[in-house]
Amino acid sequence: MPQPLLVLTSLPDLAVAQALARALVQQQLAACVNILPAVQSVYRWQGALEDAQEVALVIKTIEARYAELELAIKLAHPYELPEIIALPIVGGLPAYLAWIAAETRKDINI
């Protein structure tokens, strides 16, 4: 079975997050994207302490599609340096993990 991944990113607002989530699923780069609105982010950027309301995305994909997924996020993302973090899924319901793999195959037609 392909290696499933969780990919995390955050965006400035819900409209941008929804558009990116739909694009990733339509392109079969993600099986599912969870949109978590109203995330409070505190971070240091260019020497200044920042405090921002953001929308977080939790993206389910497979390792074989990661490079394309990362590029798609970077091209659509409004931030100069977008958060893109990939975490391996080391366990889970086998049928769900198989579904992630099936939905991110390049050869399926929607």
PDB file of N, CA and C in Angstrom:
ATOM      1  N   MET A   1       0.854  -1.182   0.000  1.00  0.00           N
ATOM      2  CA  MET A   1       0.000   0.000   0.000  1.00  0.00           C
ATOM      3  C   MET A   1       0.895   1.239   0.000  1.00  0.00           C
ATOM      4  N   PRO A   2       0.519   2.283  -0.735  1.00  0.00           N
ATOM      5  CA  PRO A   2       1.302   3.527  -0.745  1.00  0.00           C
ATOM      6  C   PRO A   2       1.351   4.157   0.642  1.00  0.00           C
ATOM      7  N   GLN A   3       2.419   4.898   0.907  1.00  0.00           N
ATOM      8  CA  GLN A   3       2.571   5.589   2.190  1.00  0.00           C
ATOM      9  C   GLN A   3       1.604   6.761   2.272  1.00  0.00           C
ATOM     10  N   PRO A   4       0.617   6.719   3.188  1.00  0.00           N
ATOM     11  CA  PRO A   4      -0.293   7.862   3.347  1.00  0.00           C
ATOM     12  C   PRO A   4       0.377   8.969   4.153  1.00  0.00           C
ATOM     13  N   LEU A   5      -0.005  10.206   3.841  1.00  0.00           N
ATOM     14  CA  LEU A   5       0.533  11.378   4.516  1.00  0.00           C
ATOM     15  C   LEU A   5      -0.591  12.293   4.971  1.00  0.00           C
ATOM     16  N   LEU A   6      -0.320  13.037   6.054  1.00  0.00           N
ATOM     17  CA  LEU A   6      -1.117  14.194   6.442  1.00  0.00           C
ATOM     18  C   LEU A   6      -0.263  15.407   6.114  1.00  0.00           C
ATOM     19  N   VAL A   7      -0.817  16.345   5.374  1.00  0.00           N
ATOM     20  CA  VAL A   7      -0.098  17.565   5.028  1.00  0.00           C
ATOM     21  C   VAL A   7      -0.857  18.730   5.650  1.00  0.00           C
ATOM     22  N   LEU A   8      -0.118  19.604   6.323  1.00  0.00           N
ATOM     23  CA  LEU A   8      -0.718  20.745   7.003  1.00  0.00           C
ATOM     24  C   LEU A   8      -0.303  22.030   6.309  1.00  0.00           C
ATOM     25  N   THR A   9      -1.249  22.942   6.188  1.00  0.00           N
ATOM     26  CA  THR A   9      -0.961  24.293   5.722  1.00  0.00           C
ATOM     27  C   THR A   9      -1.976  25.225   6.356  1.00  0.00           C
ATOM     28  N   SER A  10      -1.694  26.509   6.322  1.00  0.00           N
ATOM     29  CA  SER A  10      -2.643  27.496   6.843  1.00  0.00           C
ATOM     30  C   SER A  10      -2.759  28.631   5.844  1.00  0.00           C
ATOM     31  N   LEU A  11      -3.937  29.228   5.818  1.00  0.00           N
ATOM     32  CA  LEU A  11      -4.264  30.278   4.844  1.00  0.00           C
ATOM     33  C   LEU A  11      -4.907  31.456   5.556  1.00  0.00           C
ATOM     34  N   PRO A  12      -4.941  32.618   4.890  1.00  0.00           N
ATOM     35  CA  PRO A  12      -5.427  33.823   5.570  1.00  0.00           C
ATOM     36  C   PRO A  12      -6.937  33.899   5.752  1.00  0.00           C
ATOM     37  N   ASP A  13      -7.722  33.188   4.929  1.00  0.00           N
ATOM     38  CA  ASP A  13      -9.179  33.288   5.080  1.00  0.00           C
ATOM     39  C   ASP A  13      -9.877  32.059   4.508  1.00  0.00           C
ATOM     40  N   LEU A  14     -11.161  31.954   4.831  1.00  0.00           N
ATOM     41  CA  LEU A  14     -11.947  30.788   4.472  1.00  0.00           C
ATOM     42  C   LEU A  14     -12.117  30.630   2.964  1.00  0.00           C
ATOM     43  N   ALA A  15     -12.331  31.711   2.247  1.00  0.00           N
ATOM     44  CA  ALA A  15     -12.545  31.617   0.799  1.00  0.00           C
ATOM     45  C   ALA A  15     -11.315  31.030   0.098  1.00  0.00           C
ATOM     46  N   VAL A  16     -10.135  31.495   0.467  1.00  0.00           N
ATOM     47  CA  VAL A  16      -8.897  30.978  -0.124  1.00  0.00           C
ATOM     48  C   VAL A  16      -8.718  29.514   0.255  1.00  0.00           C
ATOM     49  N   ALA A  17      -9.003  29.180   1.502  1.00  0.00           N
ATOM     50  CA  ALA A  17      -8.873  27.802   1.972  1.00  0.00           C
ATOM     51  C   ALA A  17      -9.827  26.863   1.225  1.00  0.00           C
ATOM     52  N   GLN A  18     -11.071  27.282   1.057  1.00  0.00           N
ATOM     53  CA  GLN A  18     -12.045  26.446   0.346  1.00  0.00           C
ATOM     54  C   GLN A  18     -11.644  26.241  -1.110  1.00  0.00           C
ATOM     55  N   ALA A  19     -11.166  27.280  -1.751  1.00  0.00           N
ATOM     56  CA  ALA A  19     -10.753  27.165  -3.151  1.00  0.00           C
ATOM     57  C   ALA A  19      -9.573  26.207  -3.291  1.00  0.00           C
ATOM     58  N   LEU A  20      -8.608  26.320  -2.408  1.00  0.00           N
ATOM     59  CA  LEU A  20      -7.456  25.423  -2.479  1.00  0.00           C
ATOM     60  C   LEU A  20      -7.867  23.992  -2.178  1.00  0.00           C
ATOM     61  N   ALA A  21      -8.690  23.786  -1.167  1.00  0.00           N
ATOM     62  CA  ALA A  21      -9.142  22.439  -0.816  1.00  0.00           C
ATOM     63  C   ALA A  21      -9.852  21.774  -1.992  1.00  0.00           C
ATOM     64  N   ARG A  22     -10.762  22.490  -2.623  1.00  0.00           N
ATOM     65  CA  ARG A  22     -11.487  21.935  -3.773  1.00  0.00           C
ATOM     66  C   ARG A  22     -10.545  21.616  -4.931  1.00  0.00           C
ATOM     67  N   ALA A  23      -9.607  22.495  -5.200  1.00  0.00           N
ATOM     68  CA  ALA A  23      -8.656  22.273  -6.295  1.00  0.00           C
ATOM     69  C   ALA A  23      -7.806  21.033  -6.043  1.00  0.00           C
ATOM     70  N   LEU A  24      -7.348  20.850  -4.815  1.00  0.00           N
ATOM     71  CA  LEU A  24      -6.505  19.697  -4.502  1.00  0.00           C
ATOM     72  C   LEU A  24      -7.264  18.387  -4.666  1.00  0.00           C
ATOM     73  N   VAL A  25      -8.522  18.363  -4.234  1.00  0.00           N
ATOM     74  CA  VAL A  25      -9.325  17.142  -4.381  1.00  0.00           C
ATOM     75  C   VAL A  25      -9.685  16.921  -5.851  1.00  0.00           C
ATOM     76  N   GLN A  26     -10.057  17.970  -6.562  1.00  0.00           N
ATOM     77  CA  GLN A  26     -10.391  17.828  -7.987  1.00  0.00           C
ATOM     78  C   GLN A  26      -9.215  17.313  -8.799  1.00  0.00           C
ATOM     79  N   GLN A  27      -7.995  17.722  -8.445  1.00  0.00           N
ATOM     80  CA  GLN A  27      -6.801  17.286  -9.162  1.00  0.00           C
ATOM     81  C   GLN A  27      -6.289  15.932  -8.666  1.00  0.00           C
ATOM     82  N   GLN A  28      -6.996  15.309  -7.749  1.00  0.00           N
ATOM     83  CA  GLN A  28      -6.638  14.024  -7.150  1.00  0.00           C
ATOM     84  C   GLN A  28      -5.291  14.065  -6.435  1.00  0.00           C
ATOM     85  N   LEU A  29      -4.911  15.249  -5.988  1.00  0.00           N
ATOM     86  CA  LEU A  29      -3.709  15.384  -5.185  1.00  0.00           C
ATOM     87  C   LEU A  29      -4.009  15.107  -3.718  1.00  0.00           C
ATOM     88  N   ALA A  30      -5.278  15.167  -3.357  1.00  0.00           N
ATOM     89  CA  ALA A  30      -5.739  14.886  -2.002  1.00  0.00           C
ATOM     90  C   ALA A  30      -7.017  14.071  -2.070  1.00  0.00           C
ATOM     91  N   ALA A  31      -7.143  13.129  -1.145  1.00  0.00           N
ATOM     92  CA  ALA A  31      -8.390  12.369  -1.041  1.00  0.00           C
ATOM     93  C   ALA A  31      -9.434  13.175  -0.274  1.00  0.00           C
ATOM     94  N   CYS A  32      -8.964  13.933   0.700  1.00  0.00           N
ATOM     95  CA  CYS A  32      -9.846  14.707   1.571  1.00  0.00           C
ATOM     96  C   CYS A  32      -9.046  15.859   2.151  1.00  0.00           C
ATOM     97  N   VAL A  33      -9.726  16.988   2.339  1.00  0.00           N
ATOM     98  CA  VAL A  33      -9.110  18.138   3.006  1.00  0.00           C
ATOM     99  C   VAL A  33     -10.074  18.617   4.081  1.00  0.00           C
ATOM    100  N   ASN A  34      -9.606  18.630   5.318  1.00  0.00           N
ATOM    101  CA  ASN A  34     -10.389  19.199   6.409  1.00  0.00           C
ATOM    102  C   ASN A  34     -10.026  20.667   6.540  1.00  0.00           C
ATOM    103  N   ILE A  35     -11.050  21.505   6.634  1.00  0.00           N
ATOM    104  CA  ILE A  35     -10.867  22.940   6.786  1.00  0.00           C
ATOM    105  C   ILE A  35     -11.214  23.301   8.229  1.00  0.00           C
ATOM    106  N   LEU A  36     -10.223  23.831   8.942  1.00  0.00           N
ATOM    107  CA  LEU A  36     -10.397  24.189  10.346  1.00  0.00           C
ATOM    108  C   LEU A  36     -10.348  25.709  10.470  1.00  0.00           C
ATOM    109  N   PRO A  37     -11.505  26.367  10.458  1.00  0.00           N
ATOM    110  CA  PRO A  37     -11.519  27.834  10.508  1.00  0.00           C
ATOM    111  C   PRO A  37     -11.164  28.355  11.894  1.00  0.00           C
ATOM    112  N   ALA A  38     -10.810  29.624  11.933  1.00  0.00           N
ATOM    113  CA  ALA A  38     -10.555  30.351  13.174  1.00  0.00           C
ATOM    114  C   ALA A  38      -9.412  29.762  13.995  1.00  0.00           C
ATOM    115  N   VAL A  39      -8.301  29.528  13.340  1.00  0.00           N
ATOM    116  CA  VAL A  39      -7.087  29.105  14.028  1.00  0.00           C
ATOM    117  C   VAL A  39      -6.295  30.356  14.386  1.00  0.00           C
ATOM    118  N   GLN A  40      -5.862  30.451  15.601  1.00  0.00           N
ATOM    119  CA  GLN A  40      -5.040  31.576  16.042  1.00  0.00           C
ATOM    120  C   GLN A  40      -3.582  31.152  15.934  1.00  0.00           C
ATOM    121  N   SER A  41      -2.787  31.884  15.155  1.00  0.00           N
ATOM    122  CA  SER A  41      -1.368  31.571  14.977  1.00  0.00           C
ATOM    123  C   SER A  41      -0.522  32.687  15.571  1.00  0.00           C
ATOM    124  N   VAL A  42       0.473  32.298  16.356  1.00  0.00           N
ATOM    125  CA  VAL A  42       1.429  33.229  16.931  1.00  0.00           C
ATOM    126  C   VAL A  42       2.797  32.775  16.450  1.00  0.00           C
ATOM    127  N   TYR A  43       3.535  33.685  15.821  1.00  0.00           N
ATOM    128  CA  TYR A  43       4.821  33.317  15.235  1.00  0.00           C
ATOM    129  C   TYR A  43       5.692  34.561  15.074  1.00  0.00           C
ATOM    130  N   ARG A  44       6.976  34.317  14.826  1.00  0.00           N
ATOM    131  CA  ARG A  44       7.893  35.418  14.557  1.00  0.00           C
ATOM    132  C   ARG A  44       8.145  35.433  13.057  1.00  0.00           C
ATOM    133  N   TRP A  45       7.977  36.599  12.427  1.00  0.00           N
ATOM    134  CA  TRP A  45       8.221  36.746  10.988  1.00  0.00           C
ATOM    135  C   TRP A  45       9.047  38.007  10.765  1.00  0.00           C
ATOM    136  N   GLN A  46      10.174  37.825  10.150  1.00  0.00           N
ATOM    137  CA  GLN A  46      11.093  38.921   9.830  1.00  0.00           C
ATOM    138  C   GLN A  46      11.368  39.795  11.050  1.00  0.00           C
ATOM    139  N   GLY A  47      11.614  39.119  12.174  1.00  0.00           N
ATOM    140  CA  GLY A  47      12.006  39.803  13.400  1.00  0.00           C
ATOM    141  C   GLY A  47      10.877  40.348  14.243  1.00  0.00           C
ATOM    142  N   ALA A  48       9.653  40.258  13.769  1.00  0.00           N
ATOM    143  CA  ALA A  48       8.507  40.797  14.522  1.00  0.00           C
ATOM    144  C   ALA A  48       7.595  39.669  14.996  1.00  0.00           C
ATOM    145  N   LEU A  49       7.066  39.825  16.175  1.00  0.00           N
ATOM    146  CA  LEU A  49       6.096  38.877  16.706  1.00  0.00           C
ATOM    147  C   LEU A  49       4.748  39.134  16.035  1.00  0.00           C
ATOM    148  N   GLU A  50       4.189  38.109  15.445  1.00  0.00           N
ATOM    149  CA  GLU A  50       2.911  38.223  14.719  1.00  0.00           C
ATOM    150  C   GLU A  50       1.835  37.422  15.442  1.00  0.00           C
ATOM    151  N   ASP A  51       0.616  37.855  15.294  1.00  0.00           N
ATOM    152  CA  ASP A  51      -0.554  37.191  15.870  1.00  0.00           C
ATOM    153  C   ASP A  51      -1.649  37.285  14.808  1.00  0.00           C
ATOM    154  N   ALA A  52      -2.038  36.157  14.225  1.00  0.00           N
ATOM    155  CA  ALA A  52      -2.959  36.198  13.085  1.00  0.00           C
ATOM    156  C   ALA A  52      -4.063  35.151  13.205  1.00  0.00           C
ATOM    157  N   GLN A  53      -5.233  35.523  12.717  1.00  0.00           N
ATOM    158  CA  GLN A  53      -6.330  34.571  12.531  1.00  0.00           C
ATOM    159  C   GLN A  53      -6.099  33.893  11.183  1.00  0.00           C
ATOM    160  N   GLU A  54      -6.111  32.579  11.156  1.00  0.00           N
ATOM    161  CA  GLU A  54      -5.905  31.833   9.930  1.00  0.00           C
ATOM    162  C   GLU A  54      -6.899  30.692   9.838  1.00  0.00           C
ATOM    163  N   VAL A  55      -6.874  30.029   8.696  1.00  0.00           N
ATOM    164  CA  VAL A  55      -7.665  28.835   8.455  1.00  0.00           C
ATOM    165  C   VAL A  55      -6.673  27.712   8.172  1.00  0.00           C
ATOM    166  N   ALA A  56      -6.777  26.626   8.928  1.00  0.00           N
ATOM    167  CA  ALA A  56      -5.853  25.509   8.764  1.00  0.00           C
ATOM    168  C   ALA A  56      -6.475  24.444   7.865  1.00  0.00           C
ATOM    169  N   LEU A  57      -5.632  23.835   7.041  1.00  0.00           N
ATOM    170  CA  LEU A  57      -6.048  22.700   6.216  1.00  0.00           C
ATOM    171  C   LEU A  57      -5.293  21.464   6.671  1.00  0.00           C
ATOM    172  N   VAL A  58      -6.014  20.354   6.791  1.00  0.00           N
ATOM    173  CA  VAL A  58      -5.436  19.044   7.055  1.00  0.00           C
ATOM    174  C   VAL A  58      -5.726  18.211   5.812  1.00  0.00           C
ATOM    175  N   ILE A  59      -4.678  17.876   5.077  1.00  0.00           N
ATOM    176  CA  ILE A  59      -4.795  17.270   3.757  1.00  0.00           C
ATOM    177  C   ILE A  59      -4.355  15.818   3.830  1.00  0.00           C
ATOM    178  N   LYS A  60      -5.183  14.906   3.317  1.00  0.00           N
ATOM    179  CA  LYS A  60      -4.829  13.495   3.267  1.00  0.00           C
ATOM    180  C   LYS A  60      -4.428  13.130   1.841  1.00  0.00           C
ATOM    181  N   THR A  61      -3.219  12.584   1.698  1.00  0.00           N
ATOM    182  CA  THR A  61      -2.682  12.227   0.391  1.00  0.00           C
ATOM    183  C   THR A  61      -1.753  11.034   0.542  1.00  0.00           C
ATOM    184  N   ILE A  62      -1.004  10.742  -0.510  1.00  0.00           N
ATOM    185  CA  ILE A  62       0.015   9.690  -0.456  1.00  0.00           C
ATOM    186  C   ILE A  62       1.365  10.289  -0.830  1.00  0.00           C
ATOM    187  N   GLU A  63       2.413   9.650  -0.376  1.00  0.00           N
ATOM    188  CA  GLU A  63       3.766  10.156  -0.596  1.00  0.00           C
ATOM    189  C   GLU A  63       4.081  10.337  -2.085  1.00  0.00           C
ATOM    190  N   ALA A  64       3.584   9.450  -2.924  1.00  0.00           N
ATOM    191  CA  ALA A  64       3.862   9.535  -4.361  1.00  0.00           C
ATOM    192  C   ALA A  64       3.302  10.805  -4.999  1.00  0.00           C
ATOM    193  N   ARG A  65       2.302  11.425  -4.399  1.00  0.00           N
ATOM    194  CA  ARG A  65       1.701  12.653  -4.938  1.00  0.00           C
ATOM    195  C   ARG A  65       2.195  13.911  -4.223  1.00  0.00           C
ATOM    196  N   TYR A  66       3.079  13.738  -3.228  1.00  0.00           N
ATOM    197  CA  TYR A  66       3.472  14.880  -2.402  1.00  0.00           C
ATOM    198  C   TYR A  66       4.124  16.005  -3.196  1.00  0.00           C
ATOM    199  N   ALA A  67       5.049  15.710  -4.073  1.00  0.00           N
ATOM    200  CA  ALA A  67       5.753  16.776  -4.804  1.00  0.00           C
ATOM    201  C   ALA A  67       4.767  17.622  -5.607  1.00  0.00           C
ATOM    202  N   GLU A  68       3.809  16.978  -6.265  1.00  0.00           N
ATOM    203  CA  GLU A  68       2.794  17.715  -7.032  1.00  0.00           C
ATOM    204  C   GLU A  68       1.885  18.522  -6.106  1.00  0.00           C
ATOM    205  N   LEU A  69       1.533  17.938  -4.971  1.00  0.00           N
ATOM    206  CA  LEU A  69       0.691  18.624  -3.984  1.00  0.00           C
ATOM    207  C   LEU A  69       1.410  19.857  -3.451  1.00  0.00           C
ATOM    208  N   GLU A  70       2.679  19.710  -3.086  1.00  0.00           N
ATOM    209  CA  GLU A  70       3.448  20.842  -2.577  1.00  0.00           C
ATOM    210  C   GLU A  70       3.504  21.971  -3.611  1.00  0.00           C
ATOM    211  N   LEU A  71       3.758  21.627  -4.857  1.00  0.00           N
ATOM    212  CA  LEU A  71       3.816  22.635  -5.911  1.00  0.00           C
ATOM    213  C   LEU A  71       2.466  23.335  -6.072  1.00  0.00           C
ATOM    214  N   ALA A  72       1.382  22.571  -6.060  1.00  0.00           N
ATOM    215  CA  ALA A  72       0.044  23.160  -6.202  1.00  0.00           C
ATOM    216  C   ALA A  72      -0.250  24.126  -5.055  1.00  0.00           C
ATOM    217  N   ILE A  73       0.141  23.759  -3.842  1.00  0.00           N
ATOM    218  CA  ILE A  73      -0.071  24.653  -2.696  1.00  0.00           C
ATOM    219  C   ILE A  73       0.750  25.923  -2.878  1.00  0.00           C
ATOM    220  N   LYS A  74       2.030  25.775  -3.216  1.00  0.00           N
ATOM    221  CA  LYS A  74       2.899  26.944  -3.387  1.00  0.00           C
ATOM    222  C   LYS A  74       2.384  27.890  -4.465  1.00  0.00           C
ATOM    223  N   LEU A  75       1.889  27.341  -5.575  1.00  0.00           N
ATOM    224  CA  LEU A  75       1.400  28.183  -6.668  1.00  0.00           C
ATOM    225  C   LEU A  75       0.125  28.945  -6.303  1.00  0.00           C
ATOM    226  N   ALA A  76      -0.719  28.342  -5.470  1.00  0.00           N
ATOM    227  CA  ALA A  76      -1.996  28.962  -5.119  1.00  0.00           C
ATOM    228  C   ALA A  76      -1.938  29.778  -3.824  1.00  0.00           C
ATOM    229  N   HIS A  77      -0.875  29.630  -3.064  1.00  0.00           N
ATOM    230  CA  HIS A  77      -0.809  30.209  -1.724  1.00  0.00           C
ATOM    231  C   HIS A  77      -0.435  31.690  -1.776  1.00  0.00           C
ATOM    232  N   PRO A  78      -1.140  32.531  -1.020  1.00  0.00           N
ATOM    233  CA  PRO A  78      -0.838  33.969  -1.037  1.00  0.00           C
ATOM    234  C   PRO A  78       0.359  34.371  -0.169  1.00  0.00           C
ATOM    235  N   TYR A  79       0.837  33.496   0.703  1.00  0.00           N
ATOM    236  CA  TYR A  79       1.945  33.857   1.592  1.00  0.00           C
ATOM    237  C   TYR A  79       3.286  33.739   0.871  1.00  0.00           C
ATOM    238  N   GLU A  80       4.214  34.594   1.259  1.00  0.00           N
ATOM    239  CA  GLU A  80       5.580  34.534   0.735  1.00  0.00           C
ATOM    240  C   GLU A  80       6.246  33.203   1.097  1.00  0.00           C
ATOM    241  N   LEU A  81       6.025  32.735   2.313  1.00  0.00           N
ATOM    242  CA  LEU A  81       6.585  31.474   2.792  1.00  0.00           C
ATOM    243  C   LEU A  81       5.460  30.657   3.422  1.00  0.00           C
ATOM    244  N   PRO A  82       4.759  29.848   2.625  1.00  0.00           N
ATOM    245  CA  PRO A  82       3.635  29.089   3.170  1.00  0.00           C
ATOM    246  C   PRO A  82       4.097  27.943   4.066  1.00  0.00           C
ATOM    247  N   GLU A  83       3.315  27.684   5.076  1.00  0.00           N
ATOM    248  CA  GLU A  83       3.521  26.495   5.902  1.00  0.00           C
ATOM    249  C   GLU A  83       3.085  25.293   5.068  1.00  0.00           C
ATOM    250  N   ILE A  84       3.990  24.356   4.857  1.00  0.00           N
ATOM    251  CA  ILE A  84       3.659  23.077   4.225  1.00  0.00           C
ATOM    252  C   ILE A  84       4.454  22.027   4.980  1.00  0.00           C
ATOM    253  N   ILE A  85       3.765  21.229   5.772  1.00  0.00           N
ATOM    254  CA  ILE A  85       4.392  20.210   6.605  1.00  0.00           C
ATOM    255  C   ILE A  85       3.733  18.873   6.298  1.00  0.00           C
ATOM    256  N   ALA A  86       4.549  17.873   5.991  1.00  0.00           N
ATOM    257  CA  ALA A  86       4.033  16.537   5.697  1.00  0.00           C
ATOM    258  C   ALA A  86       4.418  15.587   6.824  1.00  0.00           C
ATOM    259  N   LEU A  87       3.444  14.841   7.294  1.00  0.00           N
ATOM    260  CA  LEU A  87       3.642  13.862   8.357  1.00  0.00           C
ATOM    261  C   LEU A  87       3.207  12.490   7.862  1.00  0.00           C
ATOM    262  N   PRO A  88       4.035  11.465   8.050  1.00  0.00           N
ATOM    263  CA  PRO A  88       3.602  10.130   7.654  1.00  0.00           C
ATOM    264  C   PRO A  88       2.494   9.633   8.573  1.00  0.00           C
ATOM    265  N   ILE A  89       1.550   8.948   8.009  1.00  0.00           N
ATOM    266  CA  ILE A  89       0.503   8.286   8.790  1.00  0.00           C
ATOM    267  C   ILE A  89       1.024   6.884   9.067  1.00  0.00           C
ATOM    268  N   VAL A  90       1.281   6.579  10.329  1.00  0.00           N
ATOM    269  CA  VAL A  90       1.900   5.297  10.676  1.00  0.00           C
ATOM    270  C   VAL A  90       0.883   4.228  11.045  1.00  0.00           C
ATOM    271  N   GLY A  91      -0.368   4.589  11.132  1.00  0.00           N
ATOM    272  CA  GLY A  91      -1.417   3.625  11.427  1.00  0.00           C
ATOM    273  C   GLY A  91      -2.763   4.246  11.136  1.00  0.00           C
ATOM    274  N   GLY A  92      -3.753   3.398  11.033  1.00  0.00           N
ATOM    275  CA  GLY A  92      -5.105   3.873  10.777  1.00  0.00           C
ATOM    276  C   GLY A  92      -5.977   2.728  10.293  1.00  0.00           C
ATOM    277  N   LEU A  93      -7.239   3.004  10.152  1.00  0.00           N
ATOM    278  CA  LEU A  93      -8.178   2.001   9.657  1.00  0.00           C
ATOM    279  C   LEU A  93      -7.749   1.591   8.255  1.00  0.00           C
ATOM    280  N   PRO A  94      -7.420   0.335   8.017  1.00  0.00           N
ATOM    281  CA  PRO A  94      -6.916  -0.082   6.706  1.00  0.00           C
ATOM    282  C   PRO A  94      -7.822   0.310   5.542  1.00  0.00           C
ATOM    283  N   ALA A  95      -9.121   0.209   5.710  1.00  0.00           N
ATOM    284  CA  ALA A  95     -10.033   0.567   4.617  1.00  0.00           C
ATOM    285  C   ALA A  95      -9.954   2.070   4.311  1.00  0.00           C
ATOM    286  N   TYR A  96      -9.790   2.902   5.343  1.00  0.00           N
ATOM    287  CA  TYR A  96      -9.668   4.348   5.119  1.00  0.00           C
ATOM    288  C   TYR A  96      -8.359   4.671   4.422  1.00  0.00           C
ATOM    289  N   LEU A  97      -7.278   4.052   4.836  1.00  0.00           N
ATOM    290  CA  LEU A  97      -5.986   4.278   4.202  1.00  0.00           C
ATOM    291  C   LEU A  97      -6.007   3.820   2.744  1.00  0.00           C
ATOM    292  N   ALA A  98      -6.700   2.725   2.477  1.00  0.00           N
ATOM    293  CA  ALA A  98      -6.849   2.254   1.088  1.00  0.00           C
ATOM    294  C   ALA A  98      -7.665   3.258   0.277  1.00  0.00           C
ATOM    295  N   TRP A  99      -8.670   3.858   0.887  1.00  0.00           N
ATOM    296  CA  TRP A  99      -9.474   4.878   0.208  1.00  0.00           C
ATOM    297  C   TRP A  99      -8.619   6.081  -0.163  1.00  0.00           C
ATOM    298  N   ILE A 100      -7.756   6.540   0.760  1.00  0.00           N
ATOM    299  CA  ILE A 100      -6.845   7.646   0.446  1.00  0.00           C
ATOM    300  C   ILE A 100      -6.019   7.296  -0.788  1.00  0.00           C
ATOM    301  N   ALA A 101      -5.460   6.096  -0.810  1.00  0.00           N
ATOM    302  CA  ALA A 101      -4.640   5.669  -1.948  1.00  0.00           C
ATOM    303  C   ALA A 101      -5.457   5.634  -3.235  1.00  0.00           C
ATOM    304  N   ALA A 102      -6.669   5.112  -3.163  1.00  0.00           N
ATOM    305  CA  ALA A 102      -7.502   5.010  -4.371  1.00  0.00           C
ATOM    306  C   ALA A 102      -7.902   6.378  -4.896  1.00  0.00           C
ATOM    307  N   GLU A 103      -8.208   7.322  -4.012  1.00  0.00           N
ATOM    308  CA  GLU A 103      -8.672   8.647  -4.440  1.00  0.00           C
ATOM    309  C   GLU A 103      -7.551   9.551  -4.947  1.00  0.00           C
ATOM    310  N   THR A 104      -6.320   9.185  -4.703  1.00  0.00           N
ATOM    311  CA  THR A 104      -5.195  10.006  -5.169  1.00  0.00           C
ATOM    312  C   THR A 104      -4.449   9.352  -6.325  1.00  0.00           C
ATOM    313  N   ARG A 105      -5.024   8.323  -6.909  1.00  0.00           N
ATOM    314  CA  ARG A 105      -4.430   7.716  -8.109  1.00  0.00           C
ATOM    315  C   ARG A 105      -4.563   8.673  -9.271  1.00  0.00           C
ATOM    316  N   LYS A 106      -3.569   8.732 -10.106  1.00  0.00           N
ATOM    317  CA  LYS A 106      -3.601   9.625 -11.265  1.00  0.00           C
ATOM    318  C   LYS A 106      -4.566   9.156 -12.347  1.00  0.00           C
ATOM    319  N   ASP A 107      -4.891   7.887 -12.372  1.00  0.00           N
ATOM    320  CA  ASP A 107      -5.650   7.340 -13.493  1.00  0.00           C
ATOM    321  C   ASP A 107      -7.158   7.313 -13.286  1.00  0.00           C
ATOM    322  N   ILE A 108      -7.690   7.888 -12.197  1.00  0.00           N
ATOM    323  CA  ILE A 108      -9.130   7.887 -12.022  1.00  0.00           C
ATOM    324  C   ILE A 108      -9.747   9.081 -12.729  1.00  0.00           C
ATOM    325  N   ASN A 109     -10.940   8.914 -13.201  1.00  0.00           N
ATOM    326  CA  ASN A 109     -11.648   9.995 -13.891  1.00  0.00           C
ATOM    327  C   ASN A 109     -12.758  10.511 -13.002  1.00  0.00           C
ATOM    328  N   ILE A 110     -12.862  11.814 -12.939  1.00  0.00           N
ATOM    329  CA  ILE A 110     -13.956  12.438 -12.157  1.00  0.00           C
ATOM    330  C   ILE A 110     -14.918  13.074 -13.115  1.00  0.00           C
TER     331      ILE A 110
END
